[in-house]
Amino acid sequence: MVTEMLALYEITTGRIGVPLEPEELAPPTGVYLVGWIGDQAAAGGGVRMVEPDVAEIKRMYVRPGFRGRGVARVLLGALEAEALRLGACVARLDTGPKQPLAQGLYERSGYDPIGNWNDNPHAAYWGEKRLSFAAPGRPGNAARAEVRSPGEKGLS
């Protein structure tokens, strides 16, 4: 993921986006999920609490060979469900100007554009969504997905 984003945005020094330490995507205030198709890791993404009731979705990525299959939509729903579990009622995210498909997914999933709330120098879209519990797969709400945290077996 990092290599692809560095090349996409022609970054030769520094980091992509806002600094993020791995422990920020770990319990008790965060989580990182891996989406599996069979025995292959197809996607991953994290969520971290940034305010008492606000979660940020970070580093959402689908491997190129798995794109176009709805994997990102399922992963986003799983991350939203984790944000709810962590206590968030609002989810925020951002994406860059060279990722229009990601922005389209976020908007179709109920994210509304907001101002630059995190000072990400590589972002061009910032979105926010009010989260609520809903039936799995219902558009615009958190959906159940088959994902596992790294190291877990068979979580669904």
C-alpha atoms as a PDB file:
ATOM      1  CA  MET A   1       0.000   0.000   0.000  1.00  0.00           C
ATOM      2  CA  VAL A   2       2.673   2.493   0.994  1.00  0.00           C
ATOM      3  CA  THR A   3       4.687   1.877  -2.163  1.00  0.00           C
ATOM      4  CA  GLU A   4       1.611   2.344  -4.356  1.00  0.00           C
ATOM      5  CA  MET A   5       0.580   5.596  -2.627  1.00  0.00           C
ATOM      6  CA  LEU A   6       4.112   7.041  -2.724  1.00  0.00           C
ATOM      7  CA  ALA A   7       4.235   6.398  -6.470  1.00  0.00           C
ATOM      8  CA  LEU A   8       0.677   7.642  -7.092  1.00  0.00           C
ATOM      9  CA  TYR A   9       1.374  10.965  -5.381  1.00  0.00           C
ATOM     10  CA  GLU A  10       5.014  11.188  -6.506  1.00  0.00           C
ATOM     11  CA  ILE A  11       6.259  11.497  -2.933  1.00  0.00           C
ATOM     12  CA  THR A  12       9.991  10.937  -2.604  1.00  0.00           C
ATOM     13  CA  THR A  13      10.489  12.053   0.997  1.00  0.00           C
ATOM     14  CA  GLY A  14       8.349  12.045   4.097  1.00  0.00           C
ATOM     15  CA  ARG A  15       5.129  10.256   4.889  1.00  0.00           C
ATOM     16  CA  ILE A  16       1.759   9.901   3.277  1.00  0.00           C
ATOM     17  CA  GLY A  17      -0.956  11.835   5.039  1.00  0.00           C
ATOM     18  CA  VAL A  18      -1.166  12.400   8.751  1.00  0.00           C
ATOM     19  CA  PRO A  19       1.397  10.572  10.936  1.00  0.00           C
ATOM     20  CA  LEU A  20      -0.003   7.337  12.350  1.00  0.00           C
ATOM     21  CA  GLU A  21       1.614   4.957  14.812  1.00  0.00           C
ATOM     22  CA  PRO A  22       0.624   1.256  14.721  1.00  0.00           C
ATOM     23  CA  GLU A  23      -0.528   1.332  18.347  1.00  0.00           C
ATOM     24  CA  GLU A  24      -3.195   3.901  17.391  1.00  0.00           C
ATOM     25  CA  LEU A  25      -4.954   1.108  15.487  1.00  0.00           C
ATOM     26  CA  ALA A  26      -4.910  -1.268  18.467  1.00  0.00           C
ATOM     27  CA  PRO A  27      -7.287  -1.805  21.398  1.00  0.00           C
ATOM     28  CA  PRO A  28      -8.646  -0.211  23.425  1.00  0.00           C
ATOM     29  CA  THR A  29      -9.068   2.855  21.173  1.00  0.00           C
ATOM     30  CA  GLY A  30      -8.488   1.374  17.739  1.00  0.00           C
ATOM     31  CA  VAL A  31      -8.515  -1.726  15.592  1.00  0.00           C
ATOM     32  CA  TYR A  32      -6.988  -2.943  12.332  1.00  0.00           C
ATOM     33  CA  LEU A  33      -8.914  -5.427  10.180  1.00  0.00           C
ATOM     34  CA  VAL A  34      -7.777  -7.705   7.387  1.00  0.00           C
ATOM     35  CA  GLY A  35     -10.311  -8.866   4.812  1.00  0.00           C
ATOM     36  CA  TRP A  36      -9.741 -12.368   3.491  1.00  0.00           C
ATOM     37  CA  ILE A  37     -10.900 -14.082   0.338  1.00  0.00           C
ATOM     38  CA  GLY A  38     -10.151 -17.723   0.897  1.00  0.00           C
ATOM     39  CA  ASP A  39      -6.650 -17.878   2.319  1.00  0.00           C
ATOM     40  CA  GLN A  40      -5.510 -14.620   0.708  1.00  0.00           C
ATOM     41  CA  ALA A  41      -5.419 -11.257   2.447  1.00  0.00           C
ATOM     42  CA  ALA A  42      -7.441  -9.058   0.075  1.00  0.00           C
ATOM     43  CA  ALA A  43      -7.804  -5.809   1.982  1.00  0.00           C
ATOM     44  CA  GLY A  44      -7.082  -4.001   5.201  1.00  0.00           C
ATOM     45  CA  GLY A  45      -7.968  -0.891   7.097  1.00  0.00           C
ATOM     46  CA  GLY A  46      -8.036   0.629  10.527  1.00  0.00           C
ATOM     47  CA  VAL A  47     -10.130   2.798  12.753  1.00  0.00           C
ATOM     48  CA  ARG A  48      -9.037   4.913  15.701  1.00  0.00           C
ATOM     49  CA  MET A  49     -10.858   7.155  18.109  1.00  0.00           C
ATOM     50  CA  VAL A  50      -9.864  10.810  17.669  1.00  0.00           C
ATOM     51  CA  GLU A  51     -12.458  12.354  19.995  1.00  0.00           C
ATOM     52  CA  PRO A  52     -14.697  10.701  22.605  1.00  0.00           C
ATOM     53  CA  ASP A  53     -17.474  10.076  20.056  1.00  0.00           C
ATOM     54  CA  VAL A  54     -15.589  10.431  16.741  1.00  0.00           C
ATOM     55  CA  ALA A  55     -13.640   7.699  14.957  1.00  0.00           C
ATOM     56  CA  GLU A  56     -11.314   8.105  11.992  1.00  0.00           C
ATOM     57  CA  ILE A  57     -11.079   5.415   9.331  1.00  0.00           C
ATOM     58  CA  LYS A  58      -7.447   5.059   8.254  1.00  0.00           C
ATOM     59  CA  ARG A  59      -5.335   3.223   5.708  1.00  0.00           C
ATOM     60  CA  MET A  60      -8.194   1.510   3.922  1.00  0.00           C
ATOM     61  CA  TYR A  61      -6.669  -0.496   1.095  1.00  0.00           C
ATOM     62  CA  VAL A  62      -7.753  -3.217  -1.312  1.00  0.00           C
ATOM     63  CA  ARG A  63      -5.034  -5.145  -3.135  1.00  0.00           C
ATOM     64  CA  PRO A  64      -5.185  -4.543  -6.916  1.00  0.00           C
ATOM     65  CA  GLY A  65      -6.176  -8.115  -7.801  1.00  0.00           C
ATOM     66  CA  PHE A  66      -9.267  -7.878  -5.586  1.00  0.00           C
ATOM     67  CA  ARG A  67     -10.590  -4.493  -6.705  1.00  0.00           C
ATOM     68  CA  GLY A  68     -13.963  -4.196  -8.421  1.00  0.00           C
ATOM     69  CA  ARG A  69     -15.534  -7.019  -6.389  1.00  0.00           C
ATOM     70  CA  GLY A  70     -17.190  -5.016  -3.601  1.00  0.00           C
ATOM     71  CA  VAL A  71     -14.409  -5.747  -1.128  1.00  0.00           C
ATOM     72  CA  ALA A  72     -13.953  -2.062  -0.222  1.00  0.00           C
ATOM     73  CA  ARG A  73     -17.666  -1.667   0.528  1.00  0.00           C
ATOM     74  CA  VAL A  74     -17.606  -4.676   2.864  1.00  0.00           C
ATOM     75  CA  LEU A  75     -14.414  -3.468   4.549  1.00  0.00           C
ATOM     76  CA  LEU A  76     -15.851   0.014   5.046  1.00  0.00           C
ATOM     77  CA  GLY A  77     -18.951  -1.484   6.659  1.00  0.00           C
ATOM     78  CA  ALA A  78     -16.816  -3.607   8.980  1.00  0.00           C
ATOM     79  CA  LEU A  79     -14.722  -0.577   9.982  1.00  0.00           C
ATOM     80  CA  GLU A  80     -17.891   1.402  10.689  1.00  0.00           C
ATOM     81  CA  ALA A  81     -19.158  -1.468  12.867  1.00  0.00           C
ATOM     82  CA  GLU A  82     -15.858  -1.414  14.781  1.00  0.00           C
ATOM     83  CA  ALA A  83     -16.147   2.364  15.212  1.00  0.00           C
ATOM     84  CA  LEU A  84     -19.573   1.839  16.793  1.00  0.00           C
ATOM     85  CA  ARG A  85     -18.161  -0.880  19.038  1.00  0.00           C
ATOM     86  CA  LEU A  86     -15.425   1.543  20.168  1.00  0.00           C
ATOM     87  CA  GLY A  87     -18.110   4.073  21.131  1.00  0.00           C
ATOM     88  CA  ALA A  88     -18.170   6.404  18.125  1.00  0.00           C
ATOM     89  CA  CYS A  89     -21.367   7.888  16.764  1.00  0.00           C
ATOM     90  CA  VAL A  90     -19.536   9.695  13.947  1.00  0.00           C
ATOM     91  CA  ALA A  91     -16.925   8.394  11.495  1.00  0.00           C
ATOM     92  CA  ARG A  92     -14.559  10.607   9.537  1.00  0.00           C
ATOM     93  CA  LEU A  93     -12.148   9.811   6.735  1.00  0.00           C
ATOM     94  CA  ASP A  94     -10.185  11.422   3.945  1.00  0.00           C
ATOM     95  CA  THR A  95      -8.805  10.523   0.545  1.00  0.00           C
ATOM     96  CA  GLY A  96      -6.531  12.075  -2.043  1.00  0.00           C
ATOM     97  CA  PRO A  97      -7.293  13.759  -5.357  1.00  0.00           C
ATOM     98  CA  LYS A  98      -5.993  10.773  -7.346  1.00  0.00           C
ATOM     99  CA  GLN A  99      -8.458   8.367  -5.718  1.00  0.00           C
ATOM    100  CA  PRO A 100     -11.857   9.314  -7.180  1.00  0.00           C
ATOM    101  CA  LEU A 101     -13.182   5.759  -6.839  1.00  0.00           C
ATOM    102  CA  ALA A 102     -12.578   5.887  -3.085  1.00  0.00           C
ATOM    103  CA  GLN A 103     -14.360   9.225  -2.819  1.00  0.00           C
ATOM    104  CA  GLY A 104     -17.281   7.831  -4.810  1.00  0.00           C
ATOM    105  CA  LEU A 105     -17.526   4.824  -2.480  1.00  0.00           C
ATOM    106  CA  TYR A 106     -17.535   7.068   0.582  1.00  0.00           C
ATOM    107  CA  GLU A 107     -20.235   9.341  -0.826  1.00  0.00           C
ATOM    108  CA  ARG A 108     -22.409   6.371  -1.897  1.00  0.00           C
ATOM    109  CA  SER A 109     -21.949   4.983   1.612  1.00  0.00           C
ATOM    110  CA  GLY A 110     -23.401   8.102   3.220  1.00  0.00           C
ATOM    111  CA  TYR A 111     -20.368  10.295   3.890  1.00  0.00           C
ATOM    112  CA  ASP A 112     -20.943  14.010   3.537  1.00  0.00           C
ATOM    113  CA  PRO A 113     -18.105  16.371   2.572  1.00  0.00           C
ATOM    114  CA  ILE A 114     -16.685  18.395   5.459  1.00  0.00           C
ATOM    115  CA  GLY A 115     -13.796  20.810   5.784  1.00  0.00           C
ATOM    116  CA  ASN A 116     -10.161  19.841   6.283  1.00  0.00           C
ATOM    117  CA  TRP A 117     -10.380  18.638   9.866  1.00  0.00           C
ATOM    118  CA  ASN A 118      -7.052  16.763  10.143  1.00  0.00           C
ATOM    119  CA  ASP A 119      -4.553  18.827   8.129  1.00  0.00           C
ATOM    120  CA  ASN A 120      -3.708  15.933   5.806  1.00  0.00           C
ATOM    121  CA  PRO A 121      -1.523  17.562   3.137  1.00  0.00           C
ATOM    122  CA  HIS A 122      -2.292  14.817   0.599  1.00  0.00           C
ATOM    123  CA  ALA A 123      -6.082  14.782   0.979  1.00  0.00           C
ATOM    124  CA  ALA A 124      -8.590  16.548  -1.247  1.00  0.00           C
ATOM    125  CA  TYR A 125     -11.775  15.067   0.228  1.00  0.00           C
ATOM    126  CA  TRP A 126     -12.783  14.857   3.866  1.00  0.00           C
ATOM    127  CA  GLY A 127     -15.990  13.050   4.770  1.00  0.00           C
ATOM    128  CA  GLU A 128     -18.148  12.491   7.820  1.00  0.00           C
ATOM    129  CA  LYS A 129     -20.989  10.095   8.538  1.00  0.00           C
ATOM    130  CA  ARG A 130     -23.300   9.670  11.504  1.00  0.00           C
ATOM    131  CA  LEU A 131     -23.201   6.004  12.448  1.00  0.00           C
ATOM    132  CA  SER A 132     -26.126   3.895  13.603  1.00  0.00           C
ATOM    133  CA  PHE A 133     -26.790   0.226  14.200  1.00  0.00           C
ATOM    134  CA  ALA A 134     -28.652  -1.347  11.288  1.00  0.00           C
ATOM    135  CA  ALA A 135     -29.406  -4.612   9.609  1.00  0.00           C
ATOM    136  CA  PRO A 136     -26.370  -6.057   7.803  1.00  0.00           C
ATOM    137  CA  GLY A 137     -25.894  -4.713   4.311  1.00  0.00           C
ATOM    138  CA  ARG A 138     -28.318  -1.829   4.644  1.00  0.00           C
ATOM    139  CA  PRO A 139     -26.922   1.080   2.594  1.00  0.00           C
ATOM    140  CA  GLY A 140     -25.557   4.009   4.543  1.00  0.00           C
ATOM    141  CA  ASN A 141     -25.105   2.112   7.799  1.00  0.00           C
ATOM    142  CA  ALA A 142     -22.617  -0.223   9.375  1.00  0.00           C
ATOM    143  CA  ALA A 143     -22.661  -3.677   7.823  1.00  0.00           C
ATOM    144  CA  ARG A 144     -21.418  -7.031   9.082  1.00  0.00           C
ATOM    145  CA  ALA A 145     -18.457  -8.404   7.188  1.00  0.00           C
ATOM    146  CA  GLU A 146     -16.170 -11.395   7.291  1.00  0.00           C
ATOM    147  CA  VAL A 147     -12.920  -9.896   8.464  1.00  0.00           C
ATOM    148  CA  ARG A 148     -10.263 -10.807  10.966  1.00  0.00           C
ATOM    149  CA  SER A 149      -7.821  -8.869  13.037  1.00  0.00           C
ATOM    150  CA  PRO A 150      -4.263  -9.989  12.300  1.00  0.00           C
ATOM    151  CA  GLY A 151      -3.570 -13.238  14.146  1.00  0.00           C
ATOM    152  CA  GLU A 152      -7.212 -14.201  14.681  1.00  0.00           C
ATOM    153  CA  LYS A 153      -8.688 -17.338  13.202  1.00  0.00           C
ATOM    154  CA  GLY A 154     -12.063 -17.547  11.496  1.00  0.00           C
ATOM    155  CA  LEU A 155     -13.804 -14.473  12.860  1.00  0.00           C
ATOM    156  CA  SER A 156     -16.960 -13.643  10.929  1.00  0.00           C
END
